[in-house]
Amino acid sequence: MDLDLRKLRYFVAVAEELHFGRAADRLHIAQPVLSRQIRALEDELRAQLFVRTKRSTELTAAGRQLLDDARPLLAGADATRRRVARAARGAKTFTIGFMPGLTVTEAVRAFGALHPELEVELIRTTWNDQVDVLRDGRVDVSVVRLPIDQAGLTVRPLFEEPRVAMLPADHRLAGKPAIDITDLAAEHLLQDPDAVPEWRDIAVELRTGTAKPVPAMGSVEEKLEHVATGRGVSIIPLSVATFYQRSDVVAVPVGNLAPNSVCLAWTATRRSHLLHDFATLATTVSWTP
């Protein structure tokens, strides 16, 4: 039995909305049609994916597993369509993704001089989508900040840079020339603790009760707004702190914090000579302001 990608898309919409009506609106189809498609998918998989009551829709264990598998599968299908269409048209563009704090000007100019027949396009990424843009084919190559899920990717190190603590200007540690990560153990970290394992490991020992939730943030600007208003602290690469300077937030060096690794990444199955050319020159240019 082959999985029907259309039914998978319908399933993901319902799984994310946990409401058949909202999912149907999102997909621009009638709700009865959506319900029939989900039942057909359950029949094909011989597994119940949702538990529905008059008040709620919840994923079963099988549904949660399918959701985990369906997202990368659909992203891969989208990427395949984009790449096939690009190959059919011929290589006319080359798209580079890059994380905040990194300047790609020198690389773009060097690559453009090497391939004047191409139009080089740029996409600014975030911690949340720097791998997604590779997997779904939006970019050919991306300058990423570790850690990332490297499965299916070729990752080439470029450089490392220090990370600093971003504190409100009136914070008790703001005037220090340098601090230790233990000084921040009791602070509210405004990011995934796994991104700062040094903080996570010592904070777990001190934590009592329930940790505060981390607000959803899609950009560095949002993160610094939360820092400035005293809602917590954040650990970011030095180049990002330099690029986003503001008077109400202070960057303080942290003595025992591992540096951030900046790498070049692309989909491992790609066999483009353009990727090879870009990867070769990437080691000779500057990525910081």
Protein backbone atom coordinates (compact mmCIF):
# COMPACT_ATOMS: atom_id res chain seq x y z
CA MET A 1 0.00 0.00 0.00
CA ASP A 2 1.41 3.38 -1.08
CA LEU A 3 0.77 6.42 1.09
CA ASP A 4 -1.39 9.06 -0.57
CA LEU A 5 0.36 12.42 -0.07
CA ARG A 6 -2.93 14.30 -0.43
CA LYS A 7 -4.46 12.33 2.42
CA LEU A 8 -1.29 12.91 4.46
CA ARG A 9 -1.65 16.66 3.96
CA TYR A 10 -5.25 16.45 5.13
CA PHE A 11 -4.17 14.43 8.15
CA VAL A 12 -1.45 16.94 9.12
CA ALA A 13 -3.92 19.82 8.91
CA VAL A 14 -6.34 18.05 11.27
CA ALA A 15 -3.50 16.97 13.58
CA GLU A 16 -2.23 20.54 13.86
CA GLU A 17 -5.65 22.14 14.29
CA LEU A 18 -7.19 19.30 16.34
CA HIS A 19 -10.48 20.47 14.87
CA PHE A 20 -12.02 19.15 11.65
CA GLY A 21 -13.88 22.38 10.90
CA ARG A 22 -10.80 24.60 11.16
CA ALA A 23 -8.72 22.09 9.20
CA ALA A 24 -11.34 22.01 6.44
CA ASP A 25 -11.32 25.82 6.24
CA ARG A 26 -7.51 25.80 6.09
CA LEU A 27 -7.58 23.24 3.28
CA HIS A 28 -10.46 24.97 1.45
CA ILE A 29 -12.53 21.79 1.31
CA ALA A 30 -15.87 20.74 2.82
CA GLN A 31 -15.71 19.17 6.27
CA PRO A 32 -17.58 15.96 5.21
CA VAL A 33 -15.03 15.45 2.44
CA LEU A 34 -12.18 15.86 4.93
CA SER A 35 -13.77 13.40 7.36
CA ARG A 36 -14.15 10.80 4.57
CA GLN A 37 -10.51 11.23 3.54
CA ILE A 38 -9.29 10.75 7.12
CA ARG A 39 -11.44 7.63 7.52
CA ALA A 40 -10.05 6.29 4.24
CA LEU A 41 -6.50 6.93 5.47
CA GLU A 42 -7.25 5.11 8.73
CA ASP A 43 -8.63 2.18 6.74
CA GLU A 44 -5.54 2.08 4.54
CA LEU A 45 -3.21 2.19 7.55
CA ARG A 46 -5.43 -0.10 9.61
CA ALA A 47 -4.99 2.27 12.54
CA GLN A 48 -7.16 4.80 14.36
CA LEU A 49 -5.49 8.20 14.12
CA PHE A 50 -7.92 10.39 16.08
CA VAL A 51 -10.24 10.07 19.04
CA ARG A 52 -13.24 12.31 18.40
CA THR A 53 -15.85 13.43 20.87
CA LYS A 54 -18.46 16.18 20.70
CA ARG A 55 -16.03 18.50 22.50
CA SER A 56 -12.56 17.57 21.28
CA THR A 57 -10.36 15.84 18.74
CA GLU A 58 -7.19 14.15 20.01
CA LEU A 59 -4.40 12.19 18.37
CA THR A 60 -3.96 8.54 19.22
CA ALA A 61 -0.49 7.03 19.70
CA ALA A 62 -0.61 5.95 16.04
CA GLY A 63 -1.66 9.46 15.05
CA ARG A 64 1.25 11.04 16.92
CA GLN A 65 3.67 8.66 15.22
CA LEU A 66 2.21 9.43 11.80
CA LEU A 67 2.46 13.17 12.44
CA ASP A 68 6.16 12.82 13.31
CA ASP A 69 6.76 10.89 10.08
CA ALA A 70 4.41 12.84 7.81
CA ARG A 71 5.96 16.29 8.21
CA PRO A 72 9.42 15.41 6.84
CA LEU A 73 7.85 13.18 4.19
CA LEU A 74 5.69 16.03 2.89
CA ALA A 75 8.59 18.48 3.08
CA GLY A 76 10.67 16.05 1.05
CA ALA A 77 7.93 15.74 -1.57
CA ASP A 78 7.67 19.52 -1.84
CA ALA A 79 11.45 19.78 -2.18
CA THR A 80 11.46 17.15 -4.92
CA ARG A 81 8.85 19.06 -6.91
CA ARG A 82 10.82 22.30 -6.58
CA ARG A 83 14.08 20.68 -7.65
CA VAL A 84 12.57 18.84 -10.60
CA ALA A 85 10.93 22.06 -11.80
CA ARG A 86 14.22 23.91 -11.37
CA ALA A 87 16.09 21.23 -13.32
CA ALA A 88 13.50 21.37 -16.10
CA ARG A 89 13.91 25.15 -16.39
CA GLY A 90 17.68 24.96 -16.14
CA ALA A 91 19.75 26.46 -13.33
CA LYS A 92 18.97 30.17 -13.31
CA THR A 93 18.97 30.95 -9.60
CA PHE A 94 20.97 29.89 -6.55
CA THR A 95 19.42 30.53 -3.15
CA ILE A 96 21.39 30.95 0.08
CA GLY A 97 19.94 30.84 3.57
CA PHE A 98 21.67 32.60 6.44
CA MET A 99 21.18 33.06 10.17
CA PRO A 100 21.02 36.41 12.03
CA GLY A 101 24.35 38.08 12.78
CA LEU A 102 26.00 36.71 9.64
CA THR A 103 26.64 38.83 6.57
CA VAL A 104 26.67 37.05 3.23
CA THR A 105 27.72 40.01 1.06
CA GLU A 106 31.25 38.79 0.40
CA ALA A 107 30.10 35.27 -0.43
CA VAL A 108 27.35 36.52 -2.75
CA ARG A 109 29.76 38.77 -4.62
CA ALA A 110 32.39 36.05 -4.96
CA PHE A 111 29.89 33.44 -6.13
CA GLY A 112 28.24 35.92 -8.49
CA ALA A 113 31.60 36.72 -10.06
CA LEU A 114 32.23 32.99 -10.53
CA HIS A 115 28.77 32.38 -12.02
CA PRO A 116 27.53 35.62 -13.62
CA GLU A 117 24.80 33.68 -15.44
CA LEU A 118 23.01 33.02 -12.13
CA GLU A 119 20.76 35.20 -10.02
CA VAL A 120 21.75 34.73 -6.38
CA GLU A 121 18.82 34.97 -3.97
CA LEU A 122 18.86 35.20 -0.18
CA ILE A 123 16.57 33.95 2.60
CA ARG A 124 17.07 34.99 6.23
CA THR A 125 16.39 32.05 8.49
CA THR A 126 15.75 31.56 12.22
CA TRP A 127 16.56 28.95 14.85
CA ASN A 128 13.20 27.35 14.04
CA ASP A 129 13.47 27.00 10.26
CA GLN A 130 17.17 26.96 9.35
CA VAL A 131 16.95 23.23 8.54
CA ASP A 132 13.39 23.33 7.16
CA VAL A 133 14.41 25.62 4.31
CA LEU A 134 16.94 22.99 3.20
CA ARG A 135 14.61 20.03 3.50
CA ASP A 136 11.72 21.66 1.63
CA GLY A 137 13.93 23.01 -1.15
CA ARG A 138 13.53 26.72 -0.52
CA VAL A 139 17.31 27.16 -0.46
CA ASP A 140 20.20 25.40 -2.16
CA VAL A 141 22.60 25.92 0.72
CA SER A 142 22.38 27.53 4.14
CA VAL A 143 24.76 29.01 6.68
CA VAL A 144 23.51 27.44 9.90
CA ARG A 145 24.25 27.63 13.60
CA LEU A 146 24.63 24.36 15.48
CA PRO A 147 23.02 22.43 17.02
CA ILE A 148 20.74 21.23 14.23
CA ASP A 149 19.29 17.90 13.17
CA GLN A 150 21.97 16.82 10.67
CA ALA A 151 20.12 13.76 9.34
CA GLY A 152 20.21 13.77 5.53
CA LEU A 153 22.45 16.82 5.37
CA THR A 154 26.05 17.48 4.44
CA VAL A 155 27.48 19.86 7.06
CA ARG A 156 30.82 21.62 6.65
CA PRO A 157 32.29 23.69 9.55
CA LEU A 158 33.12 27.32 8.80
CA PHE A 159 34.09 28.94 12.11
CA GLU A 160 33.28 29.25 15.80
CA GLU A 161 32.43 32.36 17.77
CA PRO A 162 31.83 33.19 21.45
CA ARG A 163 28.34 33.34 22.93
CA VAL A 164 27.29 36.10 25.32
CA ALA A 165 24.50 36.63 27.83
CA MET A 166 21.92 39.26 26.92
CA LEU A 167 20.67 41.02 30.06
CA PRO A 168 18.43 44.02 30.77
CA ALA A 169 20.52 47.17 31.21
CA ASP A 170 19.48 47.39 34.88
CA HIS A 171 20.26 43.74 35.65
CA ARG A 172 22.45 43.02 38.68
CA LEU A 173 25.13 41.49 36.41
CA ALA A 174 24.98 44.05 33.59
CA GLY A 175 28.08 45.96 34.68
CA LYS A 176 30.32 42.92 35.00
CA PRO A 177 33.27 42.55 32.56
CA ALA A 178 32.53 38.80 32.47
CA ILE A 179 30.37 36.27 34.31
CA ASP A 180 30.17 32.53 34.89
CA ILE A 181 27.26 30.44 33.62
CA THR A 182 26.49 29.56 37.24
CA ASP A 183 25.67 33.25 37.81
CA LEU A 184 22.65 32.73 35.52
CA ALA A 185 21.45 29.44 36.98
CA ALA A 186 18.43 30.97 38.72
CA GLU A 187 17.46 33.20 35.76
CA HIS A 188 14.59 32.52 33.34
CA LEU A 189 16.22 31.46 30.06
CA LEU A 190 14.29 32.71 27.04
CA GLN A 191 15.14 29.81 24.75
CA ASP A 192 15.16 26.03 24.60
CA PRO A 193 17.39 24.87 27.49
CA ASP A 194 18.87 22.18 25.23
CA ALA A 195 20.43 24.99 23.19
CA VAL A 196 22.44 25.99 26.28
CA PRO A 197 23.30 22.66 27.95
CA GLU A 198 25.75 24.34 30.34
CA TRP A 199 22.87 26.38 31.81
CA ARG A 200 20.40 23.50 31.62
CA ASP A 201 22.57 21.10 33.63
CA ILE A 202 23.16 23.46 36.55
CA ALA A 203 19.66 24.95 36.51
CA VAL A 204 18.06 21.52 36.91
CA GLU A 205 19.91 21.08 40.19
CA LEU A 206 18.63 24.41 41.56
CA ARG A 207 15.13 24.39 40.14
CA THR A 208 12.21 23.96 42.48
CA GLY A 209 8.64 23.82 41.27
CA THR A 210 7.61 24.28 37.64
CA ALA A 211 9.85 26.13 35.21
CA LYS A 212 8.35 29.15 33.44
CA PRO A 213 7.27 28.49 29.87
CA VAL A 214 9.35 30.06 27.10
CA PRO A 215 7.25 32.45 24.99
CA ALA A 216 7.03 31.73 21.27
CA MET A 217 9.50 33.97 19.46
CA GLY A 218 10.21 34.09 15.75
CA SER A 219 13.08 36.58 15.65
CA VAL A 220 16.03 38.04 17.52
CA GLU A 221 14.13 41.31 17.82
CA GLU A 222 11.31 39.61 19.74
CA LYS A 223 13.79 37.86 22.02
CA LEU A 224 15.56 41.13 22.87
CA GLU A 225 12.23 42.81 23.59
CA HIS A 226 11.54 40.14 26.20
CA VAL A 227 15.03 40.62 27.66
CA ALA A 228 14.66 44.42 27.78
CA THR A 229 11.36 44.20 29.66
CA GLY A 230 12.89 41.95 32.31
CA ARG A 231 11.14 38.73 31.37
CA GLY A 232 14.37 36.72 31.27
CA VAL A 233 17.85 36.41 29.80
CA SER A 234 19.15 34.90 26.61
CA ILE A 235 22.39 33.40 25.33
CA ILE A 236 23.24 34.37 21.75
CA PRO A 237 26.33 34.43 19.49
CA LEU A 238 28.55 37.50 19.78
CA SER A 239 27.98 38.54 16.15
CA VAL A 240 24.21 38.60 16.75
CA ALA A 241 24.67 40.75 19.87
CA THR A 242 26.91 43.11 17.89
CA PHE A 243 24.46 43.36 15.02
CA TYR A 244 21.43 44.02 17.24
CA GLN A 245 22.87 46.53 19.71
CA ARG A 246 20.40 48.58 21.77
CA SER A 247 20.73 50.80 24.85
CA ASP A 248 18.34 48.86 27.11
CA VAL A 249 20.03 45.48 26.66
CA VAL A 250 23.61 44.59 27.61
CA ALA A 251 25.83 41.81 26.25
CA VAL A 252 28.07 40.22 28.89
CA PRO A 253 30.80 37.65 28.11
CA VAL A 254 30.33 34.26 29.77
CA GLY A 255 33.61 32.62 30.69
CA ASN A 256 32.75 28.92 30.64
CA LEU A 257 30.30 28.76 27.75
CA ALA A 258 31.11 26.69 24.65
CA PRO A 259 31.36 28.73 21.43
CA ASN A 260 28.70 28.63 18.74
CA SER A 261 29.64 26.62 15.65
CA VAL A 262 28.72 28.12 12.27
CA CYS A 263 28.53 25.66 9.38
CA LEU A 264 27.53 25.39 5.76
CA ALA A 265 24.79 22.82 5.13
CA TRP A 266 23.00 21.36 2.14
CA THR A 267 20.91 18.29 1.35
CA ALA A 268 23.21 15.28 1.14
CA THR A 269 21.54 13.89 -2.00
CA ARG A 270 22.33 17.00 -4.03
CA ARG A 271 25.04 16.58 -6.66
CA SER A 272 25.30 20.10 -8.04
CA HIS A 273 28.61 21.56 -9.17
CA LEU A 274 27.25 24.91 -7.98
CA LEU A 275 27.11 23.58 -4.42
CA HIS A 276 30.71 22.43 -4.70
CA ASP A 277 31.79 25.83 -5.99
CA PHE A 278 29.99 27.68 -3.22
CA ALA A 279 31.27 25.35 -0.51
CA THR A 280 34.83 25.84 -1.75
CA LEU A 281 34.72 29.64 -1.68
CA ALA A 282 32.77 29.71 1.62
CA THR A 283 35.96 28.93 3.53
CA THR A 284 37.74 31.97 2.08
CA VAL A 285 35.23 34.74 2.85
CA SER A 286 34.10 36.54 6.01
CA TRP A 287 30.69 35.72 7.49
CA THR A 288 30.65 38.31 10.26
CA PRO A 289 30.14 42.11 10.05
